[in-house]
Amino acid sequence: MLAINTGEKKSTVQQFVAENKYTLTVLLDSKGTARRAYGVSAIPATYLVDGQGTVQYFWRGYGSGLEAELRAEIANLLP
């Protein structure tokens, strides 16, 4: 699992990750390449991508119940 940050400085992202004790990898998309490639129009945007690089699930924004829905979608993708 990884996160992609777009539009913020590396130091800002590093501080946020440290303060929240995140252990996942956070990539920086300073040029907006990933944002454009995946058509991100809202932040946060959540994508589940399979081993072949195909988007299997997409969620725009954040809301109540997202964690449960993500767990169910991940379980569906696992063999």
C-alpha atoms as a PDB file:
ATOM      1  CA  MET A   1       0.000   0.000   0.000  1.00  0.00           C
ATOM      2  CA  LEU A   2       1.232   3.462  -0.784  1.00  0.00           C
ATOM      3  CA  ALA A   3       0.013   7.025  -0.894  1.00  0.00           C
ATOM      4  CA  ILE A   4       0.690   9.683  -3.475  1.00  0.00           C
ATOM      5  CA  ASN A   5       0.758  13.315  -2.436  1.00  0.00           C
ATOM      6  CA  THR A   6       0.263  16.007  -5.018  1.00  0.00           C
ATOM      7  CA  GLY A   7       0.878  19.697  -4.578  1.00  0.00           C
ATOM      8  CA  GLU A   8       2.756  19.871  -1.291  1.00  0.00           C
ATOM      9  CA  LYS A   9       6.411  20.264  -0.433  1.00  0.00           C
ATOM     10  CA  LYS A  10       8.416  17.227   0.632  1.00  0.00           C
ATOM     11  CA  SER A  11       9.042  18.699   4.091  1.00  0.00           C
ATOM     12  CA  THR A  12       5.303  19.259   4.641  1.00  0.00           C
ATOM     13  CA  VAL A  13       4.523  15.671   3.678  1.00  0.00           C
ATOM     14  CA  GLN A  14       7.325  14.278   5.827  1.00  0.00           C
ATOM     15  CA  GLN A  15       6.102  16.225   8.857  1.00  0.00           C
ATOM     16  CA  PHE A  16       2.498  15.062   8.343  1.00  0.00           C
ATOM     17  CA  VAL A  17       3.573  11.415   7.996  1.00  0.00           C
ATOM     18  CA  ALA A  18       5.750  11.622  11.108  1.00  0.00           C
ATOM     19  CA  GLU A  19       3.094  13.377  13.224  1.00  0.00           C
ATOM     20  CA  ASN A  20       0.497  10.759  12.303  1.00  0.00           C
ATOM     21  CA  LYS A  21       2.954   7.861  12.678  1.00  0.00           C
ATOM     22  CA  TYR A  22       2.139   6.479   9.231  1.00  0.00           C
ATOM     23  CA  THR A  23       4.275   3.572   8.092  1.00  0.00           C
ATOM     24  CA  LEU A  24       3.143   3.401   4.469  1.00  0.00           C
ATOM     25  CA  THR A  25       5.211   4.749   1.605  1.00  0.00           C
ATOM     26  CA  VAL A  26       4.201   8.227   0.448  1.00  0.00           C
ATOM     27  CA  LEU A  27       5.289   9.200  -3.052  1.00  0.00           C
ATOM     28  CA  LEU A  28       5.450  12.827  -4.176  1.00  0.00           C
ATOM     29  CA  ASP A  29       3.699  13.781  -7.409  1.00  0.00           C
ATOM     30  CA  SER A  30       5.123  17.288  -7.664  1.00  0.00           C
ATOM     31  CA  LYS A  31       4.454  17.554 -11.407  1.00  0.00           C
ATOM     32  CA  GLY A  32       0.925  16.106 -11.249  1.00  0.00           C
ATOM     33  CA  THR A  33       1.797  13.162 -13.493  1.00  0.00           C
ATOM     34  CA  ALA A  34      -0.061  10.513 -11.463  1.00  0.00           C
ATOM     35  CA  ARG A  35      -2.948  12.914 -10.793  1.00  0.00           C
ATOM     36  CA  ARG A  36      -3.466  13.420 -14.526  1.00  0.00           C
ATOM     37  CA  ALA A  37      -2.933   9.741 -15.401  1.00  0.00           C
ATOM     38  CA  TYR A  38      -5.657   8.625 -12.990  1.00  0.00           C
ATOM     39  CA  GLY A  39      -7.955  11.603 -13.589  1.00  0.00           C
ATOM     40  CA  VAL A  40      -7.927  12.738  -9.966  1.00  0.00           C
ATOM     41  CA  SER A  41     -10.405  15.589  -9.568  1.00  0.00           C
ATOM     42  CA  ALA A  42     -10.861  15.451  -5.776  1.00  0.00           C
ATOM     43  CA  ILE A  43      -8.562  14.867  -2.848  1.00  0.00           C
ATOM     44  CA  PRO A  44      -8.449  12.426  -1.276  1.00  0.00           C
ATOM     45  CA  ALA A  45      -8.993   9.879  -3.995  1.00  0.00           C
ATOM     46  CA  THR A  46      -8.597   6.178  -3.234  1.00  0.00           C
ATOM     47  CA  TYR A  47      -7.751   3.573  -5.850  1.00  0.00           C
ATOM     48  CA  LEU A  48      -7.298  -0.162  -5.487  1.00  0.00           C
ATOM     49  CA  VAL A  49      -5.068  -1.374  -8.293  1.00  0.00           C
ATOM     50  CA  ASP A  50      -4.492  -5.064  -8.989  1.00  0.00           C
ATOM     51  CA  GLY A  51      -1.183  -6.738  -9.795  1.00  0.00           C
ATOM     52  CA  GLN A  52      -1.653  -6.042 -13.505  1.00  0.00           C
ATOM     53  CA  GLY A  53      -2.102  -2.304 -12.902  1.00  0.00           C
ATOM     54  CA  THR A  54      -5.864  -2.295 -13.510  1.00  0.00           C
ATOM     55  CA  VAL A  55      -7.980  -0.055 -11.294  1.00  0.00           C
ATOM     56  CA  GLN A  56     -10.454  -2.351  -9.538  1.00  0.00           C
ATOM     57  CA  TYR A  57     -12.043   0.185  -7.178  1.00  0.00           C
ATOM     58  CA  PHE A  58     -12.279   3.959  -6.893  1.00  0.00           C
ATOM     59  CA  TRP A  59     -13.571   6.246  -4.150  1.00  0.00           C
ATOM     60  CA  ARG A  60     -13.620  10.037  -4.333  1.00  0.00           C
ATOM     61  CA  GLY A  61     -13.304  11.985  -1.076  1.00  0.00           C
ATOM     62  CA  TYR A  62     -13.586  10.589   2.420  1.00  0.00           C
ATOM     63  CA  GLY A  63     -16.625   9.624   4.409  1.00  0.00           C
ATOM     64  CA  SER A  64     -18.119   7.467   7.075  1.00  0.00           C
ATOM     65  CA  GLY A  65     -17.904   3.794   6.214  1.00  0.00           C
ATOM     66  CA  LEU A  66     -14.973   4.090   3.831  1.00  0.00           C
ATOM     67  CA  GLU A  67     -12.758   1.825   5.938  1.00  0.00           C
ATOM     68  CA  ALA A  68     -15.323  -0.982   5.983  1.00  0.00           C
ATOM     69  CA  GLU A  69     -15.958  -0.651   2.260  1.00  0.00           C
ATOM     70  CA  LEU A  70     -12.214  -0.731   1.522  1.00  0.00           C
ATOM     71  CA  ARG A  71     -11.747  -3.835   3.671  1.00  0.00           C
ATOM     72  CA  ALA A  72     -14.551  -5.596   1.787  1.00  0.00           C
ATOM     73  CA  GLU A  73     -13.156  -4.571  -1.617  1.00  0.00           C
ATOM     74  CA  ILE A  74      -9.644  -5.693  -0.662  1.00  0.00           C
ATOM     75  CA  ALA A  75     -11.002  -9.030   0.562  1.00  0.00           C
ATOM     76  CA  ASN A  76     -12.759  -9.464  -2.799  1.00  0.00           C
ATOM     77  CA  LEU A  77      -9.513  -8.887  -4.676  1.00  0.00           C
ATOM     78  CA  LEU A  78      -7.440 -11.340  -2.655  1.00  0.00           C
ATOM     79  CA  PRO A  79      -7.238 -14.940  -3.862  1.00  0.00           C
END
